[in-house]
């Protein structure tokens, strides 16, 4: 595995925080994200801080058991979810959890994003399943999210919001953006009163492009 350096990881986390805040994907002190810098060491965001206004000294270094190695701030209680995902899949480098409004509305409704309206959704995002409701910071939340990390690029936490993962902090961010865009198209389709999705044959053809993009996960089956 190729991990980012600590300085690269810190830079990317601060940049992701600014982008999420500016796009309205997090408000107040919401959201949490992290990235590995070694197999068993991560850099994570602090609790109680706006993710759009973080500084380097606010970030926290932890091991995969949740022990704080460096940092004056406390990590989010939801770091358990990140740690569970990292332990489940050594190939995952970064995890991003935010509350973008449209996809979070789908999570509140308990509705997965499982319809392929767009070619891009069929090729690179796939299905976004629902992780069953669990209390914030609980082991149930952590395990419920980690259950999907081998086969999908993200999940909707019921009544909570999406979580994504990837081989870099920026890839996890881009998947968060893709989930919100896909949810927005799904919402508009309902408002307009249609559900004209890609056909099964079209989806099957599009998925043949995935290996060329380095996508090996199954990404679920569209309804």
Protein backbone atom coordinates (compact mmCIF):
# COMPACT_ATOMS: atom_id res chain seq x y z
CA UNK A 1 0.00 0.00 0.00
CA UNK A 2 1.09 3.56 -0.72
CA UNK A 3 0.05 5.88 2.10
CA UNK A 4 0.11 9.65 2.08
CA UNK A 5 2.74 11.33 4.18
CA UNK A 6 1.51 12.91 7.38
CA UNK A 7 1.81 16.39 5.89
CA UNK A 8 -0.15 15.31 2.79
CA UNK A 9 -2.84 13.71 4.95
CA UNK A 10 -3.23 16.83 7.07
CA UNK A 11 -3.34 19.07 3.99
CA UNK A 12 -6.04 16.93 2.33
CA UNK A 13 -8.20 16.72 5.46
CA UNK A 14 -8.17 20.50 5.84
CA UNK A 15 -9.01 20.94 2.14
CA UNK A 16 -11.86 18.43 2.31
CA UNK A 17 -13.25 20.22 5.36
CA UNK A 18 -13.27 23.54 3.51
CA UNK A 19 -14.93 22.05 0.43
CA UNK A 20 -17.62 20.24 2.39
CA UNK A 21 -18.42 23.35 4.41
CA UNK A 22 -18.52 25.67 1.40
CA UNK A 23 -20.87 23.30 -0.44
CA UNK A 24 -23.22 23.01 2.52
CA UNK A 25 -22.46 19.33 3.01
CA UNK A 26 -21.80 19.98 6.70
CA UNK A 27 -23.12 22.66 9.03
CA UNK A 28 -22.06 23.84 12.49
CA UNK A 29 -19.63 21.20 13.83
CA UNK A 30 -21.02 18.28 11.82
CA UNK A 31 -19.03 15.70 9.88
CA UNK A 32 -15.89 13.69 10.45
CA UNK A 33 -13.21 12.26 8.19
CA UNK A 34 -9.88 10.54 8.45
CA UNK A 35 -7.04 9.07 6.44
CA UNK A 36 -4.35 6.51 7.07
CA UNK A 37 -0.69 7.43 7.05
CA UNK A 38 0.33 3.85 7.85
CA UNK A 39 -1.51 0.55 8.16
CA UNK A 40 -2.34 1.16 11.81
CA UNK A 41 -2.10 4.96 12.16
CA UNK A 42 -4.65 7.56 11.04
CA UNK A 43 -5.11 11.31 11.09
CA UNK A 44 -8.68 12.32 12.03
CA UNK A 45 -10.82 15.40 12.53
CA UNK A 46 -11.66 16.67 16.02
CA UNK A 47 -15.08 16.88 17.62
CA UNK A 48 -16.75 20.19 18.42
CA UNK A 49 -15.05 22.12 15.62
CA UNK A 50 -16.44 23.47 12.33
CA UNK A 51 -14.85 21.40 9.60
CA UNK A 52 -14.65 24.47 7.37
CA UNK A 53 -12.39 26.31 9.80
CA UNK A 54 -10.01 23.64 11.05
CA UNK A 55 -6.32 24.26 11.48
CA UNK A 56 -3.51 21.74 11.41
CA UNK A 57 -3.03 21.78 15.18
CA UNK A 58 -6.64 20.63 15.68
CA UNK A 59 -6.12 17.30 13.90
CA UNK A 60 -5.54 14.09 15.85
CA UNK A 61 -3.30 11.10 15.31
CA UNK A 62 -4.69 7.74 16.47
CA UNK A 63 -3.95 4.06 16.19
CA UNK A 64 -6.53 1.54 15.00
CA UNK A 65 -7.50 0.78 18.59
CA UNK A 66 -8.61 4.38 19.02
CA UNK A 67 -5.70 5.45 21.22
CA UNK A 68 -4.77 9.10 20.73
CA UNK A 69 -1.08 9.34 19.83
CA UNK A 70 -0.91 13.08 19.21
CA UNK A 71 -3.27 16.04 19.43
CA UNK A 72 -4.83 18.26 22.06
CA UNK A 73 -8.41 17.87 20.81
CA UNK A 74 -10.76 14.93 21.22
CA UNK A 75 -11.77 12.83 18.22
CA UNK A 76 -15.43 12.45 17.31
CA UNK A 77 -17.23 9.56 18.99
CA UNK A 78 -17.95 8.42 15.42
CA UNK A 79 -14.27 7.72 14.83
CA UNK A 80 -15.25 4.18 15.86
CA UNK A 81 -16.95 3.89 12.47
CA UNK A 82 -13.77 4.94 10.69
CA UNK A 83 -11.66 2.50 12.68
CA UNK A 84 -14.08 -0.33 12.00
CA UNK A 85 -13.95 0.37 8.26
CA UNK A 86 -10.14 0.56 8.27
CA UNK A 87 -9.89 -2.71 10.18
CA UNK A 88 -12.35 -4.41 7.82
CA UNK A 89 -10.48 -3.38 4.66
CA UNK A 90 -6.72 -2.71 4.70
CA UNK A 91 -7.03 -1.29 1.17
CA UNK A 92 -9.19 1.64 2.29
CA UNK A 93 -7.06 4.72 2.92
CA UNK A 94 -9.68 7.36 3.80
CA UNK A 95 -13.22 7.70 5.20
CA UNK A 96 -15.56 10.67 4.89
CA UNK A 97 -18.85 11.23 6.74
CA UNK A 98 -20.96 14.33 6.10
CA UNK A 99 -24.59 15.46 5.97
CA UNK A 100 -25.29 16.74 2.44
CA UNK A 101 -29.01 17.63 2.45
CA UNK A 102 -30.51 15.57 -0.39
CA UNK A 103 -28.77 12.26 0.28
CA UNK A 104 -29.32 12.78 4.00
CA UNK A 105 -33.03 13.14 3.24
CA UNK A 106 -32.91 9.75 1.52
CA UNK A 107 -31.21 8.32 4.61
CA UNK A 108 -33.97 9.82 6.79
CA UNK A 109 -36.55 8.16 4.55
CA UNK A 110 -34.71 4.83 4.73
CA UNK A 111 -34.41 4.81 0.94
CA UNK A 112 -31.26 3.43 -0.69
CA UNK A 113 -29.97 4.97 -3.91
CA UNK A 114 -30.49 1.87 -6.01
CA UNK A 115 -31.80 3.18 -9.34
CA UNK A 116 -29.47 3.87 -12.25
CA UNK A 117 -30.62 7.11 -13.83
CA UNK A 118 -27.14 8.08 -15.02
CA UNK A 119 -24.32 6.35 -16.85
CA UNK A 120 -21.82 7.64 -14.30
CA UNK A 121 -23.84 6.10 -11.48
CA UNK A 122 -23.88 2.73 -13.19
CA UNK A 123 -20.16 2.77 -13.93
CA UNK A 124 -18.38 4.37 -11.00
CA UNK A 125 -20.71 4.80 -8.02
CA UNK A 126 -23.06 1.84 -8.04
CA UNK A 127 -25.78 1.25 -5.50
CA UNK A 128 -25.66 3.18 -2.23
CA UNK A 129 -27.26 0.92 0.42
CA UNK A 130 -28.87 1.81 3.74
CA UNK A 131 -27.09 0.97 6.98
CA UNK A 132 -29.69 0.33 9.68
CA UNK A 133 -30.31 2.95 12.34
CA UNK A 134 -27.88 3.03 15.25
CA UNK A 135 -26.94 5.56 17.89
CA UNK A 136 -24.11 7.99 17.02
CA UNK A 137 -20.77 6.75 18.29
CA UNK A 138 -22.08 3.24 18.95
CA UNK A 139 -20.44 -0.04 18.01
CA UNK A 140 -23.63 -0.85 16.12
CA UNK A 141 -23.17 2.22 13.92
CA UNK A 142 -19.51 1.36 13.35
CA UNK A 143 -20.20 -2.25 12.43
CA UNK A 144 -23.25 -1.38 10.34
CA UNK A 145 -21.25 0.94 8.11
CA UNK A 146 -18.22 -1.36 7.89
CA UNK A 147 -20.49 -4.17 6.68
CA UNK A 148 -20.68 -2.45 3.29
CA UNK A 149 -17.12 -1.27 2.79
CA UNK A 150 -15.89 -4.28 0.80
CA UNK A 151 -18.65 -4.26 -1.83
CA UNK A 152 -19.73 -0.61 -2.14
CA UNK A 153 -18.21 2.86 -2.36
CA UNK A 154 -20.44 4.31 0.34
CA UNK A 155 -23.60 3.86 2.39
CA UNK A 156 -26.43 5.93 3.81
CA UNK A 157 -26.62 5.78 7.59
CA UNK A 158 -30.33 5.66 8.40
CA UNK A 159 -31.57 9.00 9.82
CA UNK A 160 -28.00 10.27 9.76
CA UNK A 161 -26.28 10.81 6.40
CA UNK A 162 -23.82 9.24 3.98
CA UNK A 163 -20.38 7.82 4.60
CA UNK A 164 -17.86 7.10 1.85
CA UNK A 165 -14.39 5.61 1.63
CA UNK A 166 -11.63 5.35 -0.92
CA UNK A 167 -7.96 5.06 -1.75
CA UNK A 168 -7.38 8.72 -0.85
CA UNK A 169 -9.07 11.50 1.05
CA UNK A 170 -9.96 13.20 -2.23
CA UNK A 171 -11.50 10.03 -3.67
CA UNK A 172 -13.66 9.68 -0.56
CA UNK A 173 -14.73 13.32 -1.05
CA UNK A 174 -15.52 12.79 -4.73
CA UNK A 175 -17.66 9.76 -3.87
CA UNK A 176 -19.51 11.92 -1.33
CA UNK A 177 -20.15 14.47 -4.07
CA UNK A 178 -21.32 11.70 -6.43
CA UNK A 179 -23.76 10.36 -3.84
CA UNK A 180 -25.27 13.81 -3.34
CA UNK A 181 -25.53 14.41 -7.10
CA UNK A 182 -27.14 11.00 -7.62
CA UNK A 183 -29.60 11.68 -4.81
CA UNK A 184 -30.45 15.05 -6.33
CA UNK A 185 -31.24 13.47 -9.71
CA UNK A 186 -33.35 10.83 -7.97
CA UNK A 187 -35.23 13.56 -6.11
CA UNK A 188 -35.88 15.52 -9.31
CA UNK A 189 -37.14 12.38 -11.03
CA UNK A 190 -39.72 11.95 -8.28
CA UNK A 191 -40.74 15.61 -8.49
CA UNK A 192 -41.14 15.29 -12.27
CA UNK A 193 -43.08 12.05 -11.85
CA UNK A 194 -40.87 9.66 -13.79
CA UNK A 195 -38.49 6.81 -13.07
CA UNK A 196 -36.92 6.25 -16.49
CA UNK A 197 -33.79 4.38 -15.50
CA UNK A 198 -31.18 2.66 -17.59
CA UNK A 199 -32.20 -0.80 -18.77
CA UNK A 200 -30.58 -3.92 -17.34
CA UNK A 201 -28.83 -4.45 -20.66
CA UNK A 202 -27.46 -0.91 -20.64
CA UNK A 203 -26.26 -1.32 -17.06
CA UNK A 204 -24.55 -4.62 -17.86
CA UNK A 205 -22.70 -3.02 -20.77
CA UNK A 206 -21.66 0.00 -18.70
CA UNK A 207 -20.31 -2.15 -15.88
CA UNK A 208 -17.82 -3.71 -18.29
CA UNK A 209 -16.00 -0.36 -18.11
CA UNK A 210 -15.28 -0.73 -14.40
CA UNK A 211 -12.11 -2.86 -14.59
CA UNK A 212 -10.48 -0.20 -16.77
CA UNK A 213 -11.15 2.31 -14.00
CA UNK A 214 -9.65 0.04 -11.37
CA UNK A 215 -13.04 -0.76 -9.82
CA UNK A 216 -13.13 -4.28 -8.44
CA UNK A 217 -16.02 -4.04 -5.93
CA UNK A 218 -19.39 -5.46 -6.98
CA UNK A 219 -21.19 -2.15 -6.15
CA UNK A 220 -24.51 -3.91 -5.68
CA UNK A 221 -27.38 -4.61 -8.05
CA UNK A 222 -29.69 -1.85 -9.25
CA UNK A 223 -33.43 -2.32 -8.80
